[in-house]
Amino acid sequence: MAVSSNRNTKINGLIVFADIVISCLIFCVLHKLSFGAWTLTKDDIIILLSSIILWSYLLKRFDLSKIYKTNPHSYILRNYVIAMLLGLLGLVFITFILKI
C-alpha cells in the first residue's frame, strides 16, 4: 500500500508541476498574441507570479491537483469552475490594488 501511496504522491506532484508549466506557456503565448512581443515587463511578471501562486493555491484548496477515480465528473467540473472564477476575481483584485 505504501508503494501505491508514494506513486500517487509523485503523480500528483507532476500534475501540479504540469499545471504551472502550462499556465506559464499559455500566459506567454497570449502575451505574444496580445502585444506582439515575447518580452515581459515587470507588471507582466508580477501578474504571472501572482497567477501561479493563486492557481496553485486554488487547485490545492479544491483538491483539483490530485487524481480521483471515484468522484463524478460533475463534481470535478464544478470545483474547476469555482476555482477559476475565484482565480479570475483574485487576479482582477491584484491588478486593481497594484494599478497594473
C-alpha atoms as a PDB file:
ATOM      1  CA  MET A   1       0.000   0.000   0.000  1.00  0.00           C
ATOM      2  CA  ALA A   2       2.879   2.391   0.746  1.00  0.00           C
ATOM      3  CA  VAL A   3       4.232   1.929  -2.778  1.00  0.00           C
ATOM      4  CA  SER A   4       0.883   2.937  -4.295  1.00  0.00           C
ATOM      5  CA  SER A   5       0.622   5.959  -1.989  1.00  0.00           C
ATOM      6  CA  ASN A   6       4.159   7.060  -2.897  1.00  0.00           C
ATOM      7  CA  ARG A   7       3.365   6.614  -6.588  1.00  0.00           C
ATOM      8  CA  ASN A   8       0.160   8.682  -6.266  1.00  0.00           C
ATOM      9  CA  THR A   9       2.101  11.422  -4.464  1.00  0.00           C
ATOM     10  CA  LYS A  10       4.632  11.569  -7.311  1.00  0.00           C
ATOM     11  CA  ILE A  11       1.901  11.625  -9.950  1.00  0.00           C
ATOM     12  CA  ASN A  12       0.014  14.373  -8.108  1.00  0.00           C
ATOM     13  CA  GLY A  13       3.252  16.382  -7.853  1.00  0.00           C
ATOM     14  CA  LEU A  14       3.751  16.015 -11.595  1.00  0.00           C
ATOM     15  CA  ILE A  15       0.189  17.227 -12.169  1.00  0.00           C
ATOM     16  CA  VAL A  16       0.855  20.374 -10.117  1.00  0.00           C
ATOM     17  CA  PHE A  17       4.134  20.969 -11.982  1.00  0.00           C
ATOM     18  CA  ALA A  18       2.402  20.455 -15.348  1.00  0.00           C
ATOM     19  CA  ASP A  19      -0.347  22.906 -14.333  1.00  0.00           C
ATOM     20  CA  ILE A  20       2.261  25.555 -13.546  1.00  0.00           C
ATOM     21  CA  VAL A  21       4.268  24.990 -16.733  1.00  0.00           C
ATOM     22  CA  ILE A  22       1.161  25.006 -18.927  1.00  0.00           C
ATOM     23  CA  SER A  23      -0.105  28.177 -17.225  1.00  0.00           C
ATOM     24  CA  CYS A  24       3.220  29.919 -17.898  1.00  0.00           C
ATOM     25  CA  LEU A  25       3.245  28.831 -21.533  1.00  0.00           C
ATOM     26  CA  ILE A  26      -0.340  29.964 -22.073  1.00  0.00           C
ATOM     27  CA  PHE A  27       0.422  33.319 -20.431  1.00  0.00           C
ATOM     28  CA  CYS A  28       3.440  33.873 -22.689  1.00  0.00           C
ATOM     29  CA  VAL A  29       1.581  32.872 -25.865  1.00  0.00           C
ATOM     30  CA  LEU A  30      -1.357  35.124 -25.006  1.00  0.00           C
ATOM     31  CA  HIS A  31       1.066  37.948 -24.244  1.00  0.00           C
ATOM     32  CA  LYS A  32       2.688  37.474 -27.645  1.00  0.00           C
ATOM     33  CA  LEU A  33      -0.696  37.414 -29.398  1.00  0.00           C
ATOM     34  CA  SER A  34      -1.938  40.475 -27.494  1.00  0.00           C
ATOM     35  CA  PHE A  35       1.150  42.680 -27.567  1.00  0.00           C
ATOM     36  CA  GLY A  36       3.247  41.199 -30.366  1.00  0.00           C
ATOM     37  CA  ALA A  37       6.287  40.612 -28.154  1.00  0.00           C
ATOM     38  CA  TRP A  38       7.693  37.779 -26.089  1.00  0.00           C
ATOM     39  CA  THR A  39       9.384  40.230 -23.715  1.00  0.00           C
ATOM     40  CA  LEU A  40       7.625  40.502 -20.357  1.00  0.00           C
ATOM     41  CA  THR A  41       7.552  43.739 -18.416  1.00  0.00           C
ATOM     42  CA  LYS A  42       7.798  43.989 -14.631  1.00  0.00           C
ATOM     43  CA  ASP A  43       3.998  44.217 -14.436  1.00  0.00           C
ATOM     44  CA  ASP A  44       3.629  41.106 -16.617  1.00  0.00           C
ATOM     45  CA  ILE A  45       5.957  39.152 -14.346  1.00  0.00           C
ATOM     46  CA  ILE A  46       4.015  40.285 -11.255  1.00  0.00           C
ATOM     47  CA  ILE A  47       0.761  39.116 -12.840  1.00  0.00           C
ATOM     48  CA  LEU A  48       2.334  35.815 -13.927  1.00  0.00           C
ATOM     49  CA  LEU A  49       3.788  35.079 -10.477  1.00  0.00           C
ATOM     50  CA  SER A  50       0.546  36.120  -8.784  1.00  0.00           C
ATOM     51  CA  SER A  51      -1.467  33.855 -11.038  1.00  0.00           C
ATOM     52  CA  ILE A  52       0.861  30.901 -10.421  1.00  0.00           C
ATOM     53  CA  ILE A  53       0.551  31.335  -6.665  1.00  0.00           C
ATOM     54  CA  LEU A  54      -3.192  31.902  -6.848  1.00  0.00           C
ATOM     55  CA  TRP A  55      -3.942  28.986  -9.210  1.00  0.00           C
ATOM     56  CA  SER A  56      -1.704  26.618  -7.226  1.00  0.00           C
ATOM     57  CA  TYR A  57      -3.486  27.559  -4.000  1.00  0.00           C
ATOM     58  CA  LEU A  58      -6.952  27.206  -5.529  1.00  0.00           C
ATOM     59  CA  LEU A  59      -6.158  23.876  -7.184  1.00  0.00           C
ATOM     60  CA  LYS A  60      -4.895  22.551  -3.862  1.00  0.00           C
ATOM     61  CA  ARG A  61      -7.787  24.103  -1.909  1.00  0.00           C
ATOM     62  CA  PHE A  62     -10.402  22.464  -4.143  1.00  0.00           C
ATOM     63  CA  ASP A  63      -8.430  19.180  -4.360  1.00  0.00           C
ATOM     64  CA  LEU A  64      -8.037  19.540  -8.123  1.00  0.00           C
ATOM     65  CA  SER A  65      -4.351  18.690  -8.203  1.00  0.00           C
ATOM     66  CA  LYS A  66      -4.990  15.043  -7.369  1.00  0.00           C
ATOM     67  CA  ILE A  67      -6.117  12.094  -9.396  1.00  0.00           C
ATOM     68  CA  TYR A  68      -9.560  10.906  -8.437  1.00  0.00           C
ATOM     69  CA  LYS A  69     -11.117   7.731  -9.708  1.00  0.00           C
ATOM     70  CA  THR A  70     -14.223   7.865  -7.539  1.00  0.00           C
ATOM     71  CA  ASN A  71     -15.539  11.432  -7.887  1.00  0.00           C
ATOM     72  CA  PRO A  72     -18.101  12.115 -10.601  1.00  0.00           C
ATOM     73  CA  HIS A  73     -17.110  14.405 -13.449  1.00  0.00           C
ATOM     74  CA  SER A  74     -19.767  16.928 -12.406  1.00  0.00           C
ATOM     75  CA  TYR A  75     -18.060  17.324  -9.001  1.00  0.00           C
ATOM     76  CA  ILE A  76     -14.668  17.923 -10.604  1.00  0.00           C
ATOM     77  CA  LEU A  77     -16.124  20.328 -13.205  1.00  0.00           C
ATOM     78  CA  ARG A  78     -17.990  22.306 -10.530  1.00  0.00           C
ATOM     79  CA  ASN A  79     -14.806  22.659  -8.468  1.00  0.00           C
ATOM     80  CA  TYR A  80     -12.808  23.761 -11.524  1.00  0.00           C
ATOM     81  CA  VAL A  81     -15.392  26.405 -12.406  1.00  0.00           C
ATOM     82  CA  ILE A  82     -15.446  27.728  -8.830  1.00  0.00           C
ATOM     83  CA  ALA A  83     -11.626  27.751  -8.651  1.00  0.00           C
ATOM     84  CA  MET A  84     -11.274  29.550 -11.991  1.00  0.00           C
ATOM     85  CA  LEU A  85     -13.880  32.190 -11.069  1.00  0.00           C
ATOM     86  CA  LEU A  86     -12.166  32.810  -7.724  1.00  0.00           C
ATOM     87  CA  GLY A  87      -8.811  32.954  -9.516  1.00  0.00           C
ATOM     88  CA  LEU A  88     -10.134  35.477 -12.011  1.00  0.00           C
ATOM     89  CA  LEU A  89     -11.557  37.622  -9.221  1.00  0.00           C
ATOM     90  CA  GLY A  90      -8.248  37.361  -7.362  1.00  0.00           C
ATOM     91  CA  LEU A  91      -6.262  38.497 -10.390  1.00  0.00           C
ATOM     92  CA  VAL A  92      -8.640  41.396 -11.022  1.00  0.00           C
ATOM     93  CA  PHE A  93      -8.227  42.390  -7.372  1.00  0.00           C
ATOM     94  CA  ILE A  94      -4.412  42.154  -7.559  1.00  0.00           C
ATOM     95  CA  THR A  95      -4.244  44.225 -10.756  1.00  0.00           C
ATOM     96  CA  PHE A  96      -6.605  46.812  -9.244  1.00  0.00           C
ATOM     97  CA  ILE A  97      -4.632  47.092  -5.997  1.00  0.00           C
ATOM     98  CA  LEU A  98      -1.264  47.267  -7.768  1.00  0.00           C
ATOM     99  CA  LYS A  99      -2.697  49.543 -10.513  1.00  0.00           C
ATOM    100  CA  ILE A 100      -1.290  47.320 -13.254  1.00  0.00           C
END
